[in-house]
């Protein structure tokens, strides 16, 4: 079973090397690694070139944003399973992709996901928040629950059937994708009770209050787009749900 891992980046010189090393150090060998660079000017491309013997495919060119780049990566992927690792993130251990492959092999599923740790930008051993996903509960979506997208692995055939990221969403297309696949179409999924990804704090959708608000408005619009019943108060309930990530870690 081949797993395609896609990393999207732009001017990520401070973290891209650790991200790449995280992928190539996995003890599962049937990996296709794809890097989509948005036309970096800070030396990121030189680092990518320096790893071209272990990166299966890479592109560096201007694009229309992160979700366009992710869709581009999906179109290039030839793996049975597709996952994403952001350029400032890393896998929590060398066993993650082996666990993912084993989960798909042992269960009749279309996707899987796990837990995530938010870590300090300068010290990835320092946990800031712990995102414990738990087994899927469709009702909890209404309270703002969803799997962490960096831990979400999906069969390529599902992307081919239901399409990938809707690029009209500028911040919340990853949430809209999971809402579409898991809640609207009820693809089969499996929770892996394991910290799978370490994510550095400070992502675009979480950096400023205005971006948090915009992201939640986009998430609400996705509910309406897919004809799913939701209260407008969802916009405010969703960020409240994240408080438990601080309380429980």
C-alpha atoms as a PDB file:
ATOM      1  CA  UNK A   1       0.000   0.000   0.000  1.00  0.00           C
ATOM      2  CA  UNK A   2       1.539   3.253  -1.126  1.00  0.00           C
ATOM      3  CA  UNK A   3       1.050   6.384   0.980  1.00  0.00           C
ATOM      4  CA  UNK A   4       1.447   9.783  -0.672  1.00  0.00           C
ATOM      5  CA  UNK A   5       2.482  12.566   1.703  1.00  0.00           C
ATOM      6  CA  UNK A   6       2.073  16.125   0.442  1.00  0.00           C
ATOM      7  CA  UNK A   7       3.852  19.125   1.936  1.00  0.00           C
ATOM      8  CA  UNK A   8       2.822  22.602   0.812  1.00  0.00           C
ATOM      9  CA  UNK A   9       5.245  25.393   1.572  1.00  0.00           C
ATOM     10  CA  UNK A  10       6.338  28.946   0.804  1.00  0.00           C
ATOM     11  CA  UNK A  11       9.319  30.698   2.371  1.00  0.00           C
ATOM     12  CA  UNK A  12       9.626  27.978   4.996  1.00  0.00           C
ATOM     13  CA  UNK A  13      13.391  27.901   5.329  1.00  0.00           C
ATOM     14  CA  UNK A  14      13.280  27.756   9.142  1.00  0.00           C
ATOM     15  CA  UNK A  15      11.230  24.554   9.350  1.00  0.00           C
ATOM     16  CA  UNK A  16      11.118  22.758   5.993  1.00  0.00           C
ATOM     17  CA  UNK A  17      14.243  20.681   6.636  1.00  0.00           C
ATOM     18  CA  UNK A  18      12.852  19.229   9.871  1.00  0.00           C
ATOM     19  CA  UNK A  19       9.538  18.540   8.134  1.00  0.00           C
ATOM     20  CA  UNK A  20      11.264  16.667   5.293  1.00  0.00           C
ATOM     21  CA  UNK A  21      13.416  14.694   7.721  1.00  0.00           C
ATOM     22  CA  UNK A  22      10.273  13.737   9.626  1.00  0.00           C
ATOM     23  CA  UNK A  23       8.833  12.136   6.489  1.00  0.00           C
ATOM     24  CA  UNK A  24      11.935  10.411   5.180  1.00  0.00           C
ATOM     25  CA  UNK A  25      12.767   8.986   8.630  1.00  0.00           C
ATOM     26  CA  UNK A  26       9.505   7.011   8.752  1.00  0.00           C
ATOM     27  CA  UNK A  27      10.080   3.279   9.069  1.00  0.00           C
ATOM     28  CA  UNK A  28       7.361   2.577   6.512  1.00  0.00           C
ATOM     29  CA  UNK A  29       9.071   2.471   3.137  1.00  0.00           C
ATOM     30  CA  UNK A  30       6.273   2.565   0.543  1.00  0.00           C
ATOM     31  CA  UNK A  31       6.014   6.370   0.590  1.00  0.00           C
ATOM     32  CA  UNK A  32       5.619   8.861  -2.216  1.00  0.00           C
ATOM     33  CA  UNK A  33       6.694  12.286  -0.974  1.00  0.00           C
ATOM     34  CA  UNK A  34       5.442  15.351  -2.875  1.00  0.00           C
ATOM     35  CA  UNK A  35       6.451  18.945  -2.099  1.00  0.00           C
ATOM     36  CA  UNK A  36       4.506  21.849  -3.597  1.00  0.00           C
ATOM     37  CA  UNK A  37       6.345  25.152  -3.167  1.00  0.00           C
ATOM     38  CA  UNK A  38       4.607  28.449  -3.898  1.00  0.00           C
ATOM     39  CA  UNK A  39       7.609  30.195  -5.401  1.00  0.00           C
ATOM     40  CA  UNK A  40       9.815  30.668  -2.339  1.00  0.00           C
ATOM     41  CA  UNK A  41      12.543  33.327  -2.376  1.00  0.00           C
ATOM     42  CA  UNK A  42      14.236  32.623   0.970  1.00  0.00           C
ATOM     43  CA  UNK A  43      16.256  29.513   0.193  1.00  0.00           C
ATOM     44  CA  UNK A  44      13.482  26.961   0.737  1.00  0.00           C
ATOM     45  CA  UNK A  45      13.883  25.700  -2.832  1.00  0.00           C
ATOM     46  CA  UNK A  46      17.596  25.071  -2.246  1.00  0.00           C
ATOM     47  CA  UNK A  47      16.709  22.836   0.696  1.00  0.00           C
ATOM     48  CA  UNK A  48      14.147  20.977  -1.439  1.00  0.00           C
ATOM     49  CA  UNK A  49      16.741  20.490  -4.170  1.00  0.00           C
ATOM     50  CA  UNK A  50      19.172  19.197  -1.564  1.00  0.00           C
ATOM     51  CA  UNK A  51      16.680  16.444  -0.741  1.00  0.00           C
ATOM     52  CA  UNK A  52      15.661  15.604  -4.318  1.00  0.00           C
ATOM     53  CA  UNK A  53      16.923  12.036  -3.968  1.00  0.00           C
ATOM     54  CA  UNK A  54      14.292  11.349  -1.295  1.00  0.00           C
ATOM     55  CA  UNK A  55      11.503  13.624  -2.556  1.00  0.00           C
ATOM     56  CA  UNK A  56       9.485  11.836  -5.229  1.00  0.00           C
ATOM     57  CA  UNK A  57       8.053  14.931  -6.951  1.00  0.00           C
ATOM     58  CA  UNK A  58       8.329  18.642  -6.331  1.00  0.00           C
ATOM     59  CA  UNK A  59       7.183  21.867  -7.967  1.00  0.00           C
ATOM     60  CA  UNK A  60       8.079  25.476  -7.235  1.00  0.00           C
ATOM     61  CA  UNK A  61       5.826  28.052  -8.861  1.00  0.00           C
ATOM     62  CA  UNK A  62       3.409  30.818  -7.958  1.00  0.00           C
ATOM     63  CA  UNK A  63      -0.079  29.639  -7.098  1.00  0.00           C
ATOM     64  CA  UNK A  64      -3.352  30.991  -5.735  1.00  0.00           C
ATOM     65  CA  UNK A  65      -2.956  29.854  -2.160  1.00  0.00           C
ATOM     66  CA  UNK A  66      -2.497  26.863   0.094  1.00  0.00           C
ATOM     67  CA  UNK A  67      -5.619  24.960  -0.968  1.00  0.00           C
ATOM     68  CA  UNK A  68      -4.834  25.353  -4.677  1.00  0.00           C
ATOM     69  CA  UNK A  69      -1.413  23.908  -3.858  1.00  0.00           C
ATOM     70  CA  UNK A  70      -2.925  21.023  -1.914  1.00  0.00           C
ATOM     71  CA  UNK A  71      -5.207  20.185  -4.829  1.00  0.00           C
ATOM     72  CA  UNK A  72      -2.179  20.302  -7.108  1.00  0.00           C
ATOM     73  CA  UNK A  73      -0.452  17.802  -4.841  1.00  0.00           C
ATOM     74  CA  UNK A  74      -3.460  15.478  -4.915  1.00  0.00           C
ATOM     75  CA  UNK A  75      -3.480  15.582  -8.718  1.00  0.00           C
ATOM     76  CA  UNK A  76       0.173  14.465  -8.727  1.00  0.00           C
ATOM     77  CA  UNK A  77      -0.269  11.736  -6.117  1.00  0.00           C
ATOM     78  CA  UNK A  78      -0.207   8.091  -7.171  1.00  0.00           C
ATOM     79  CA  UNK A  79      -0.557   6.550  -3.718  1.00  0.00           C
ATOM     80  CA  UNK A  80      -3.501   4.558  -2.429  1.00  0.00           C
ATOM     81  CA  UNK A  81      -3.669   6.812   0.651  1.00  0.00           C
ATOM     82  CA  UNK A  82      -3.050  10.553   0.802  1.00  0.00           C
ATOM     83  CA  UNK A  83      -1.979  12.616   3.806  1.00  0.00           C
ATOM     84  CA  UNK A  84      -0.713  16.159   4.322  1.00  0.00           C
ATOM     85  CA  UNK A  85       2.132  17.402   6.483  1.00  0.00           C
ATOM     86  CA  UNK A  86       2.493  21.172   6.705  1.00  0.00           C
ATOM     87  CA  UNK A  87       5.972  22.617   6.280  1.00  0.00           C
ATOM     88  CA  UNK A  88       6.210  23.687   9.930  1.00  0.00           C
ATOM     89  CA  UNK A  89       4.870  20.387  11.305  1.00  0.00           C
ATOM     90  CA  UNK A  90       6.444  16.997  11.913  1.00  0.00           C
ATOM     91  CA  UNK A  91       5.360  13.463  12.667  1.00  0.00           C
ATOM     92  CA  UNK A  92       5.375  12.583  16.348  1.00  0.00           C
ATOM     93  CA  UNK A  93       7.388   9.395  15.812  1.00  0.00           C
ATOM     94  CA  UNK A  94       8.954   7.333  12.991  1.00  0.00           C
ATOM     95  CA  UNK A  95       6.099   4.808  13.356  1.00  0.00           C
ATOM     96  CA  UNK A  96       3.206   7.013  12.240  1.00  0.00           C
ATOM     97  CA  UNK A  97       2.912   5.955   8.598  1.00  0.00           C
ATOM     98  CA  UNK A  98       3.389   2.302   9.530  1.00  0.00           C
ATOM     99  CA  UNK A  99       0.458   2.641  11.933  1.00  0.00           C
ATOM    100  CA  UNK A 100      -1.629   4.372   9.240  1.00  0.00           C
ATOM    101  CA  UNK A 101      -0.895   1.622   6.707  1.00  0.00           C
ATOM    102  CA  UNK A 102      -1.716  -1.095   9.245  1.00  0.00           C
ATOM    103  CA  UNK A 103      -5.012   0.615  10.107  1.00  0.00           C
ATOM    104  CA  UNK A 104      -6.107   0.702   6.472  1.00  0.00           C
ATOM    105  CA  UNK A 105      -5.022  -2.894   5.970  1.00  0.00           C
ATOM    106  CA  UNK A 106      -6.861  -4.200   9.033  1.00  0.00           C
ATOM    107  CA  UNK A 107     -10.111  -2.258   8.778  1.00  0.00           C
ATOM    108  CA  UNK A 108     -12.557  -1.648   5.941  1.00  0.00           C
ATOM    109  CA  UNK A 109     -12.244   2.148   5.984  1.00  0.00           C
ATOM    110  CA  UNK A 110     -11.920   5.135   3.689  1.00  0.00           C
ATOM    111  CA  UNK A 111     -10.015   7.347   6.112  1.00  0.00           C
ATOM    112  CA  UNK A 112      -8.381   7.573   9.512  1.00  0.00           C
ATOM    113  CA  UNK A 113      -7.235  10.252  11.926  1.00  0.00           C
ATOM    114  CA  UNK A 114      -5.570  10.621  15.310  1.00  0.00           C
ATOM    115  CA  UNK A 115      -4.444  13.092  17.942  1.00  0.00           C
ATOM    116  CA  UNK A 116      -2.304  16.198  17.560  1.00  0.00           C
ATOM    117  CA  UNK A 117      -0.024  18.244  19.782  1.00  0.00           C
ATOM    118  CA  UNK A 118       0.421  21.971  19.375  1.00  0.00           C
ATOM    119  CA  UNK A 119       4.031  22.678  20.287  1.00  0.00           C
ATOM    120  CA  UNK A 120       6.200  25.728  20.818  1.00  0.00           C
ATOM    121  CA  UNK A 121       7.580  27.284  17.650  1.00  0.00           C
ATOM    122  CA  UNK A 122      11.140  27.092  18.985  1.00  0.00           C
ATOM    123  CA  UNK A 123      10.888  23.891  21.035  1.00  0.00           C
ATOM    124  CA  UNK A 124       8.869  21.039  19.557  1.00  0.00           C
ATOM    125  CA  UNK A 125       9.154  19.092  22.815  1.00  0.00           C
ATOM    126  CA  UNK A 126       7.154  21.779  24.659  1.00  0.00           C
ATOM    127  CA  UNK A 127       3.407  21.040  24.388  1.00  0.00           C
ATOM    128  CA  UNK A 128       1.121  24.080  24.277  1.00  0.00           C
ATOM    129  CA  UNK A 129      -2.178  22.323  23.511  1.00  0.00           C
ATOM    130  CA  UNK A 130      -3.211  18.696  23.198  1.00  0.00           C
ATOM    131  CA  UNK A 131      -5.906  17.890  20.638  1.00  0.00           C
ATOM    132  CA  UNK A 132      -7.366  14.525  21.638  1.00  0.00           C
ATOM    133  CA  UNK A 133      -9.820  13.608  18.905  1.00  0.00           C
ATOM    134  CA  UNK A 134     -11.642  10.527  20.157  1.00  0.00           C
ATOM    135  CA  UNK A 135     -13.965   8.273  18.205  1.00  0.00           C
ATOM    136  CA  UNK A 136     -16.118   9.997  15.630  1.00  0.00           C
ATOM    137  CA  UNK A 137     -19.390  11.400  16.942  1.00  0.00           C
ATOM    138  CA  UNK A 138     -21.491  13.054  14.263  1.00  0.00           C
ATOM    139  CA  UNK A 139     -23.500  15.105  16.756  1.00  0.00           C
ATOM    140  CA  UNK A 140     -20.321  16.663  18.123  1.00  0.00           C
ATOM    141  CA  UNK A 141     -19.723  18.324  14.751  1.00  0.00           C
ATOM    142  CA  UNK A 142     -22.459  20.762  15.751  1.00  0.00           C
ATOM    143  CA  UNK A 143     -20.422  21.806  18.777  1.00  0.00           C
ATOM    144  CA  UNK A 144     -17.320  22.474  16.718  1.00  0.00           C
ATOM    145  CA  UNK A 145     -15.662  19.047  16.936  1.00  0.00           C
ATOM    146  CA  UNK A 146     -13.678  17.714  13.986  1.00  0.00           C
ATOM    147  CA  UNK A 147     -10.493  15.684  13.487  1.00  0.00           C
ATOM    148  CA  UNK A 148      -7.172  17.540  13.192  1.00  0.00           C
ATOM    149  CA  UNK A 149      -6.622  17.824   9.455  1.00  0.00           C
ATOM    150  CA  UNK A 150      -2.845  17.079   9.573  1.00  0.00           C
ATOM    151  CA  UNK A 151      -3.716  13.650  11.015  1.00  0.00           C
ATOM    152  CA  UNK A 152      -6.426  12.938   8.421  1.00  0.00           C
ATOM    153  CA  UNK A 153      -5.493  10.262   5.866  1.00  0.00           C
ATOM    154  CA  UNK A 154      -7.886   9.500   2.997  1.00  0.00           C
ATOM    155  CA  UNK A 155      -7.997   7.019   0.141  1.00  0.00           C
ATOM    156  CA  UNK A 156      -7.232   8.668  -3.187  1.00  0.00           C
ATOM    157  CA  UNK A 157     -10.359   7.040  -4.627  1.00  0.00           C
ATOM    158  CA  UNK A 158     -12.426   9.147  -2.195  1.00  0.00           C
ATOM    159  CA  UNK A 159     -10.878  12.350  -3.517  1.00  0.00           C
ATOM    160  CA  UNK A 160     -11.569  11.162  -7.044  1.00  0.00           C
ATOM    161  CA  UNK A 161     -15.209  10.479  -6.154  1.00  0.00           C
ATOM    162  CA  UNK A 162     -16.033  13.534  -4.036  1.00  0.00           C
ATOM    163  CA  UNK A 163     -13.307  16.000  -5.123  1.00  0.00           C
ATOM    164  CA  UNK A 164     -10.827  17.666  -2.820  1.00  0.00           C
ATOM    165  CA  UNK A 165     -10.542  21.193  -1.408  1.00  0.00           C
ATOM    166  CA  UNK A 166     -13.108  23.845  -2.319  1.00  0.00           C
ATOM    167  CA  UNK A 167     -10.856  26.823  -2.996  1.00  0.00           C
ATOM    168  CA  UNK A 168     -13.553  29.431  -2.489  1.00  0.00           C
ATOM    169  CA  UNK A 169     -12.797  28.923   1.204  1.00  0.00           C
ATOM    170  CA  UNK A 170      -9.598  30.812   1.982  1.00  0.00           C
ATOM    171  CA  UNK A 171      -9.030  29.646   5.569  1.00  0.00           C
ATOM    172  CA  UNK A 172     -11.505  26.860   6.280  1.00  0.00           C
ATOM    173  CA  UNK A 173     -11.296  24.609   3.221  1.00  0.00           C
ATOM    174  CA  UNK A 174      -9.742  21.803   5.272  1.00  0.00           C
ATOM    175  CA  UNK A 175     -12.688  21.886   7.684  1.00  0.00           C
ATOM    176  CA  UNK A 176     -15.154  22.056   4.770  1.00  0.00           C
ATOM    177  CA  UNK A 177     -13.475  18.993   3.250  1.00  0.00           C
ATOM    178  CA  UNK A 178     -13.806  16.930   6.427  1.00  0.00           C
ATOM    179  CA  UNK A 179     -17.393  18.104   6.889  1.00  0.00           C
ATOM    180  CA  UNK A 180     -18.206  17.031   3.334  1.00  0.00           C
ATOM    181  CA  UNK A 181     -16.522  13.639   3.555  1.00  0.00           C
ATOM    182  CA  UNK A 182     -17.307  12.609   7.123  1.00  0.00           C
ATOM    183  CA  UNK A 183     -20.706  14.181   7.811  1.00  0.00           C
ATOM    184  CA  UNK A 184     -22.306  14.727   4.398  1.00  0.00           C
ATOM    185  CA  UNK A 185     -21.134  11.535   2.685  1.00  0.00           C
ATOM    186  CA  UNK A 186     -20.382   9.472   5.823  1.00  0.00           C
ATOM    187  CA  UNK A 187     -17.228   7.876   4.476  1.00  0.00           C
ATOM    188  CA  UNK A 188     -15.931   5.149   6.792  1.00  0.00           C
ATOM    189  CA  UNK A 189     -13.284   6.339   9.203  1.00  0.00           C
ATOM    190  CA  UNK A 190     -11.222   5.043  12.120  1.00  0.00           C
ATOM    191  CA  UNK A 191      -9.767   6.891  15.085  1.00  0.00           C
ATOM    192  CA  UNK A 192      -6.162   6.057  15.970  1.00  0.00           C
ATOM    193  CA  UNK A 193      -5.556   6.794  19.685  1.00  0.00           C
ATOM    194  CA  UNK A 194      -2.062   8.079  19.051  1.00  0.00           C
ATOM    195  CA  UNK A 195      -0.397  11.502  18.836  1.00  0.00           C
ATOM    196  CA  UNK A 196       0.394  11.546  15.142  1.00  0.00           C
ATOM    197  CA  UNK A 197       1.543  15.101  14.401  1.00  0.00           C
ATOM    198  CA  UNK A 198       3.304  17.920  16.222  1.00  0.00           C
ATOM    199  CA  UNK A 199       2.110  21.292  14.936  1.00  0.00           C
ATOM    200  CA  UNK A 200       3.967  24.491  15.727  1.00  0.00           C
ATOM    201  CA  UNK A 201       1.753  27.251  17.114  1.00  0.00           C
ATOM    202  CA  UNK A 202       1.120  30.327  15.008  1.00  0.00           C
ATOM    203  CA  UNK A 203      -0.686  29.051  11.881  1.00  0.00           C
ATOM    204  CA  UNK A 204      -2.535  31.589   9.731  1.00  0.00           C
ATOM    205  CA  UNK A 205      -6.016  30.543  10.822  1.00  0.00           C
ATOM    206  CA  UNK A 206      -5.097  30.707  14.533  1.00  0.00           C
ATOM    207  CA  UNK A 207      -2.776  33.706  14.677  1.00  0.00           C
ATOM    208  CA  UNK A 208      -5.244  36.600  14.929  1.00  0.00           C
ATOM    209  CA  UNK A 209      -8.776  36.941  16.231  1.00  0.00           C
ATOM    210  CA  UNK A 210     -10.031  38.250  12.878  1.00  0.00           C
ATOM    211  CA  UNK A 211      -8.720  35.109  11.157  1.00  0.00           C
ATOM    212  CA  UNK A 212     -10.384  32.897  13.757  1.00  0.00           C
ATOM    213  CA  UNK A 213     -13.680  34.696  13.116  1.00  0.00           C
ATOM    214  CA  UNK A 214     -13.299  34.440   9.343  1.00  0.00           C
ATOM    215  CA  UNK A 215     -12.463  30.746   9.577  1.00  0.00           C
ATOM    216  CA  UNK A 216     -15.548  30.049  11.710  1.00  0.00           C
ATOM    217  CA  UNK A 217     -17.769  31.984   9.322  1.00  0.00           C
ATOM    218  CA  UNK A 218     -16.394  29.889   6.458  1.00  0.00           C
ATOM    219  CA  UNK A 219     -17.075  26.724   8.457  1.00  0.00           C
ATOM    220  CA  UNK A 220     -20.677  27.844   8.982  1.00  0.00           C
ATOM    221  CA  UNK A 221     -21.014  28.540   5.236  1.00  0.00           C
ATOM    222  CA  UNK A 222     -19.797  24.997   4.529  1.00  0.00           C
ATOM    223  CA  UNK A 223     -22.643  23.585   6.644  1.00  0.00           C
ATOM    224  CA  UNK A 224     -25.127  25.556   4.569  1.00  0.00           C
ATOM    225  CA  UNK A 225     -23.452  24.600   1.292  1.00  0.00           C
ATOM    226  CA  UNK A 226     -23.814  20.894   2.063  1.00  0.00           C
ATOM    227  CA  UNK A 227     -27.442  21.306   3.243  1.00  0.00           C
ATOM    228  CA  UNK A 228     -26.598  20.332   6.803  1.00  0.00           C
ATOM    229  CA  UNK A 229     -28.665  21.705   9.671  1.00  0.00           C
ATOM    230  CA  UNK A 230     -26.730  24.026  11.972  1.00  0.00           C
ATOM    231  CA  UNK A 231     -27.445  26.987  14.252  1.00  0.00           C
ATOM    232  CA  UNK A 232     -25.785  30.345  13.527  1.00  0.00           C
ATOM    233  CA  UNK A 233     -24.443  30.171  17.107  1.00  0.00           C
ATOM    234  CA  UNK A 234     -22.057  27.527  15.762  1.00  0.00           C
ATOM    235  CA  UNK A 235     -19.727  30.418  14.838  1.00  0.00           C
ATOM    236  CA  UNK A 236     -19.211  31.073  18.562  1.00  0.00           C
ATOM    237  CA  UNK A 237     -19.483  27.494  19.869  1.00  0.00           C
ATOM    238  CA  UNK A 238     -16.650  26.237  17.684  1.00  0.00           C
ATOM    239  CA  UNK A 239     -13.837  28.260  19.335  1.00  0.00           C
ATOM    240  CA  UNK A 240     -15.257  27.460  22.788  1.00  0.00           C
ATOM    241  CA  UNK A 241     -14.876  23.761  22.045  1.00  0.00           C
ATOM    242  CA  UNK A 242     -11.106  24.249  21.732  1.00  0.00           C
ATOM    243  CA  UNK A 243     -10.838  25.327  25.367  1.00  0.00           C
ATOM    244  CA  UNK A 244     -10.844  21.654  26.341  1.00  0.00           C
ATOM    245  CA  UNK A 245      -7.598  21.232  24.438  1.00  0.00           C
ATOM    246  CA  UNK A 246      -5.950  23.409  27.083  1.00  0.00           C
ATOM    247  CA  UNK A 247      -7.794  21.915  30.056  1.00  0.00           C
ATOM    248  CA  UNK A 248      -7.199  18.267  29.163  1.00  0.00           C
ATOM    249  CA  UNK A 249      -3.615  18.175  27.994  1.00  0.00           C
END
